[in-house]
Every structure is written in C-alpha cells, then in structure tokens.
Amino acid sequence: MANALNELVKNLRKTFDNDELWKEGDNLWEDEVDYSISDLLVTDAGRCNWDAIDYVEKNGDFFIHRGDGDSCGWLTGVILDRKTGREIVYG
C-alpha cells in the first residue's frame, strides 16, 4: 500500500503543477495506473481511510476534506493542493 500511496502523491503533485493537465475534458492520469484515488483513500466498507489520507496530506502538502455528505458521512472527498489552490474531487 505504501508504494501505491507514494505513486498517488507523485501523480497528484505532477497533476496539480501542470497547467496542461487542467484543460477541460482531460482524464488526468487515472487511466495510467491500476487504482483510483478512491481505492486508496476509501476503505472497502466505504469509510475514510484515515491512515492513507494522513499519509497523502503529510507527504504531498495537500489538505483532504469532505466535499458532499449526508448523515452517514462523506459522499465525496476533496484534495486541495496548498501550493496551487487547485482541487480534485473523488468518491
């Protein structure tokens, strides 16, 4: 799991820093990897994977927070890049 999290941090950093990847309609990089952001940051039970979220936040200078939610919890999460102010929604 640590290797996948390191790859996620690397890909998020690459994505947030590259203006070309933010063009409308681009699928970013998720087609190039064997996982989705949700695979790593959400448990099989549908809960936040806090250990993974903490790791990504600390190693990538991101802030991960709740997007949409209901009385059961998060429906989407948001990864905010503290450097660029850009956000990616997952869930």
N, C-alpha and C. Protein backbone atom coordinates (compact mmCIF):
# COMPACT_ATOMS: atom_id res chain seq x y z
N MET A 1 0.83 -1.20 0.00
CA MET A 1 0.00 0.00 0.00
C MET A 1 0.87 1.26 0.00
N ALA A 2 2.01 1.21 0.68
CA ALA A 2 2.88 2.39 0.75
C ALA A 2 3.36 2.79 -0.64
N ASN A 3 3.70 1.82 -1.50
CA ASN A 3 4.13 2.15 -2.86
C ASN A 3 3.03 2.83 -3.64
N ALA A 4 1.81 2.35 -3.50
CA ALA A 4 0.67 2.97 -4.20
C ALA A 4 0.43 4.38 -3.68
N LEU A 5 0.57 4.58 -2.38
CA LEU A 5 0.38 5.93 -1.82
C LEU A 5 1.48 6.87 -2.29
N ASN A 6 2.71 6.38 -2.36
CA ASN A 6 3.80 7.21 -2.89
C ASN A 6 3.54 7.58 -4.34
N GLU A 7 3.05 6.62 -5.13
CA GLU A 7 2.72 6.90 -6.52
C GLU A 7 1.58 7.91 -6.62
N LEU A 8 0.59 7.77 -5.74
CA LEU A 8 -0.53 8.73 -5.72
C LEU A 8 -0.02 10.13 -5.43
N VAL A 9 0.82 10.28 -4.42
CA VAL A 9 1.37 11.60 -4.08
C VAL A 9 2.13 12.17 -5.27
N LYS A 10 2.95 11.35 -5.91
CA LYS A 10 3.74 11.79 -7.07
C LYS A 10 2.82 12.24 -8.20
N ASN A 11 1.79 11.45 -8.49
CA ASN A 11 0.87 11.80 -9.58
C ASN A 11 0.02 13.02 -9.26
N LEU A 12 -0.39 13.16 -8.02
CA LEU A 12 -1.13 14.36 -7.63
C LEU A 12 -0.26 15.60 -7.79
N ARG A 13 0.98 15.51 -7.32
CA ARG A 13 1.89 16.66 -7.43
C ARG A 13 2.09 17.03 -8.90
N LYS A 14 2.33 16.01 -9.75
CA LYS A 14 2.52 16.24 -11.19
C LYS A 14 1.27 16.90 -11.79
N THR A 15 0.12 16.42 -11.39
CA THR A 15 -1.14 16.94 -11.92
C THR A 15 -1.39 18.37 -11.49
N PHE A 16 -1.26 18.64 -10.20
CA PHE A 16 -1.52 19.99 -9.70
C PHE A 16 -0.54 21.01 -10.29
N ASP A 17 0.68 20.60 -10.55
CA ASP A 17 1.71 21.53 -11.04
C ASP A 17 1.69 21.75 -12.54
N ASN A 18 0.93 20.97 -13.30
CA ASN A 18 0.97 21.03 -14.76
C ASN A 18 -0.30 21.67 -15.31
N ASP A 19 -0.18 22.90 -15.78
CA ASP A 19 -1.34 23.63 -16.32
C ASP A 19 -2.01 22.88 -17.47
N GLU A 20 -1.24 22.18 -18.29
CA GLU A 20 -1.80 21.46 -19.44
C GLU A 20 -2.77 20.36 -19.02
N LEU A 21 -2.54 19.77 -17.86
CA LEU A 21 -3.42 18.68 -17.41
C LEU A 21 -4.78 19.18 -16.92
N TRP A 22 -4.94 20.48 -16.81
CA TRP A 22 -6.19 21.05 -16.29
C TRP A 22 -7.15 21.48 -17.39
N LYS A 23 -6.84 21.16 -18.64
CA LYS A 23 -7.75 21.50 -19.73
C LYS A 23 -9.04 20.70 -19.60
N GLU A 24 -10.15 21.33 -19.96
CA GLU A 24 -11.45 20.66 -19.86
C GLU A 24 -11.46 19.38 -20.68
N GLY A 25 -11.96 18.33 -20.09
CA GLY A 25 -12.09 17.06 -20.79
C GLY A 25 -10.94 16.11 -20.57
N ASP A 26 -9.82 16.58 -20.05
CA ASP A 26 -8.70 15.68 -19.80
C ASP A 26 -9.04 14.73 -18.66
N ASN A 27 -8.61 13.50 -18.76
CA ASN A 27 -8.88 12.47 -17.77
C ASN A 27 -7.75 12.36 -16.76
N LEU A 28 -6.88 13.34 -16.73
CA LEU A 28 -5.71 13.36 -15.86
C LEU A 28 -4.91 12.08 -16.06
N TRP A 29 -4.63 11.30 -15.03
CA TRP A 29 -3.72 10.17 -15.16
C TRP A 29 -4.31 8.86 -14.67
N GLU A 30 -5.54 8.83 -14.26
CA GLU A 30 -6.07 7.61 -13.65
C GLU A 30 -6.15 6.43 -14.62
N ASP A 31 -6.16 6.66 -15.92
CA ASP A 31 -6.13 5.55 -16.87
C ASP A 31 -4.76 4.88 -16.93
N GLU A 32 -3.74 5.56 -16.39
CA GLU A 32 -2.37 5.06 -16.47
C GLU A 32 -1.97 4.20 -15.27
N VAL A 33 -2.81 4.12 -14.25
CA VAL A 33 -2.47 3.39 -13.02
C VAL A 33 -3.51 2.31 -12.75
N ASP A 34 -3.17 1.41 -11.85
CA ASP A 34 -4.04 0.27 -11.54
C ASP A 34 -5.01 0.54 -10.39
N TYR A 35 -5.20 1.77 -10.02
CA TYR A 35 -6.07 2.11 -8.90
C TYR A 35 -6.72 3.46 -9.17
N SER A 36 -7.74 3.75 -8.41
CA SER A 36 -8.31 5.09 -8.43
C SER A 36 -7.98 5.74 -7.10
N ILE A 37 -8.17 7.02 -7.02
CA ILE A 37 -7.95 7.72 -5.75
C ILE A 37 -8.81 7.10 -4.67
N SER A 38 -10.06 6.79 -5.01
CA SER A 38 -10.98 6.21 -4.03
C SER A 38 -10.51 4.85 -3.54
N ASP A 39 -9.85 4.07 -4.42
CA ASP A 39 -9.33 2.77 -3.98
C ASP A 39 -8.39 2.91 -2.80
N LEU A 40 -7.65 4.01 -2.76
CA LEU A 40 -6.66 4.20 -1.70
C LEU A 40 -7.18 4.98 -0.51
N LEU A 41 -8.07 5.94 -0.76
CA LEU A 41 -8.49 6.83 0.32
C LEU A 41 -9.83 6.45 0.94
N VAL A 42 -10.47 5.40 0.42
CA VAL A 42 -11.74 4.91 0.96
C VAL A 42 -11.57 3.42 1.26
N THR A 43 -12.03 2.99 2.44
CA THR A 43 -11.92 1.58 2.81
C THR A 43 -12.94 0.74 2.04
N ASP A 44 -12.78 -0.57 2.11
CA ASP A 44 -13.74 -1.47 1.47
C ASP A 44 -15.14 -1.31 2.06
N ALA A 45 -15.21 -0.84 3.30
CA ALA A 45 -16.50 -0.62 3.96
C ALA A 45 -17.09 0.75 3.62
N GLY A 46 -16.41 1.52 2.77
CA GLY A 46 -16.94 2.81 2.36
C GLY A 46 -16.63 3.96 3.30
N ARG A 47 -15.71 3.76 4.21
CA ARG A 47 -15.32 4.80 5.17
C ARG A 47 -14.00 5.44 4.73
N CYS A 48 -13.69 6.58 5.32
CA CYS A 48 -12.41 7.22 5.05
C CYS A 48 -11.27 6.35 5.54
N ASN A 49 -10.25 6.20 4.74
CA ASN A 49 -9.03 5.51 5.14
C ASN A 49 -8.11 6.58 5.72
N TRP A 50 -8.27 6.83 7.01
CA TRP A 50 -7.58 7.95 7.65
C TRP A 50 -6.06 7.82 7.61
N ASP A 51 -5.55 6.60 7.72
CA ASP A 51 -4.10 6.42 7.64
C ASP A 51 -3.58 6.86 6.27
N ALA A 52 -4.27 6.46 5.22
CA ALA A 52 -3.87 6.84 3.86
C ALA A 52 -4.04 8.34 3.64
N ILE A 53 -5.14 8.90 4.12
CA ILE A 53 -5.38 10.33 3.98
C ILE A 53 -4.29 11.12 4.69
N ASP A 54 -3.96 10.73 5.92
CA ASP A 54 -2.89 11.41 6.66
C ASP A 54 -1.57 11.33 5.92
N TYR A 55 -1.26 10.17 5.36
CA TYR A 55 -0.01 9.98 4.63
C TYR A 55 0.07 10.90 3.42
N VAL A 56 -1.00 10.93 2.63
CA VAL A 56 -1.02 11.76 1.43
C VAL A 56 -0.93 13.24 1.80
N GLU A 57 -1.64 13.65 2.83
CA GLU A 57 -1.58 15.05 3.26
C GLU A 57 -0.16 15.45 3.66
N LYS A 58 0.47 14.62 4.47
CA LYS A 58 1.79 14.96 5.00
C LYS A 58 2.88 14.89 3.95
N ASN A 59 2.76 13.99 2.99
CA ASN A 59 3.83 13.80 2.02
C ASN A 59 3.63 14.58 0.73
N GLY A 60 2.51 15.24 0.58
CA GLY A 60 2.26 15.97 -0.66
C GLY A 60 1.86 17.41 -0.47
N ASP A 61 1.78 17.88 0.76
CA ASP A 61 1.33 19.24 1.07
C ASP A 61 -0.08 19.49 0.53
N PHE A 62 -0.94 18.50 0.79
CA PHE A 62 -2.35 18.60 0.41
C PHE A 62 -3.21 18.68 1.66
N PHE A 63 -4.44 19.16 1.50
CA PHE A 63 -5.44 19.12 2.55
C PHE A 63 -6.63 18.36 1.98
N ILE A 64 -6.99 17.26 2.63
CA ILE A 64 -8.09 16.42 2.15
C ILE A 64 -9.26 16.60 3.10
N HIS A 65 -10.41 16.95 2.53
CA HIS A 65 -11.58 17.24 3.36
C HIS A 65 -12.85 16.73 2.68
N ARG A 66 -13.90 16.77 3.44
CA ARG A 66 -15.21 16.34 2.96
C ARG A 66 -15.73 17.30 1.90
N GLY A 67 -16.28 16.72 0.83
CA GLY A 67 -16.99 17.51 -0.17
C GLY A 67 -18.47 17.42 0.17
N ASP A 68 -19.23 16.70 -0.63
CA ASP A 68 -20.63 16.46 -0.33
C ASP A 68 -20.73 15.36 0.72
N GLY A 69 -21.78 15.43 1.50
CA GLY A 69 -22.00 14.41 2.51
C GLY A 69 -23.45 14.33 2.91
N ASP A 70 -23.74 13.33 3.71
CA ASP A 70 -25.07 13.19 4.27
C ASP A 70 -24.92 12.72 5.71
N SER A 71 -26.01 12.28 6.31
CA SER A 71 -25.96 11.89 7.72
C SER A 71 -25.09 10.66 7.96
N CYS A 72 -24.77 9.93 6.91
CA CYS A 72 -23.91 8.74 7.04
C CYS A 72 -22.43 9.08 6.89
N GLY A 73 -22.09 10.26 6.38
CA GLY A 73 -20.69 10.63 6.23
C GLY A 73 -20.39 11.28 4.90
N TRP A 74 -19.16 11.09 4.45
CA TRP A 74 -18.70 11.69 3.21
C TRP A 74 -19.30 10.97 2.01
N LEU A 75 -19.76 11.73 1.03
CA LEU A 75 -20.12 11.16 -0.27
C LEU A 75 -18.99 11.40 -1.27
N THR A 76 -18.34 12.55 -1.13
CA THR A 76 -17.15 12.85 -1.92
C THR A 76 -16.10 13.45 -1.00
N GLY A 77 -14.86 13.30 -1.42
CA GLY A 77 -13.75 13.95 -0.74
C GLY A 77 -13.11 14.94 -1.70
N VAL A 78 -12.39 15.88 -1.14
CA VAL A 78 -11.73 16.90 -1.94
C VAL A 78 -10.26 16.94 -1.55
N ILE A 79 -9.39 16.88 -2.54
CA ILE A 79 -7.96 17.03 -2.30
C ILE A 79 -7.59 18.44 -2.75
N LEU A 80 -7.21 19.26 -1.80
CA LEU A 80 -6.81 20.64 -2.07
C LEU A 80 -5.30 20.70 -2.07
N ASP A 81 -4.73 21.24 -3.13
CA ASP A 81 -3.29 21.46 -3.20
C ASP A 81 -3.00 22.80 -2.55
N ARG A 82 -2.26 22.79 -1.47
CA ARG A 82 -1.95 24.03 -0.75
C ARG A 82 -1.07 24.97 -1.58
N LYS A 83 -0.32 24.42 -2.52
CA LYS A 83 0.60 25.22 -3.34
C LYS A 83 -0.14 26.00 -4.42
N THR A 84 -1.02 25.33 -5.16
CA THR A 84 -1.69 25.97 -6.31
C THR A 84 -3.12 26.41 -6.02
N GLY A 85 -3.73 25.85 -4.98
CA GLY A 85 -5.13 26.14 -4.69
C GLY A 85 -6.09 25.31 -5.52
N ARG A 86 -5.58 24.43 -6.37
CA ARG A 86 -6.43 23.57 -7.20
C ARG A 86 -6.99 22.44 -6.36
N GLU A 87 -8.12 21.90 -6.82
CA GLU A 87 -8.79 20.82 -6.09
C GLU A 87 -9.16 19.68 -7.04
N ILE A 88 -9.13 18.47 -6.51
CA ILE A 88 -9.63 17.29 -7.19
C ILE A 88 -10.68 16.67 -6.29
N VAL A 89 -11.84 16.33 -6.86
CA VAL A 89 -12.92 15.69 -6.12
C VAL A 89 -12.88 14.20 -6.42
N TYR A 90 -13.04 13.38 -5.38
CA TYR A 90 -13.07 11.93 -5.56
C TYR A 90 -14.21 11.38 -4.74
N GLY A 91 -14.57 10.13 -5.03
CA GLY A 91 -15.61 9.49 -4.24
C GLY A 91 -16.54 8.65 -5.09
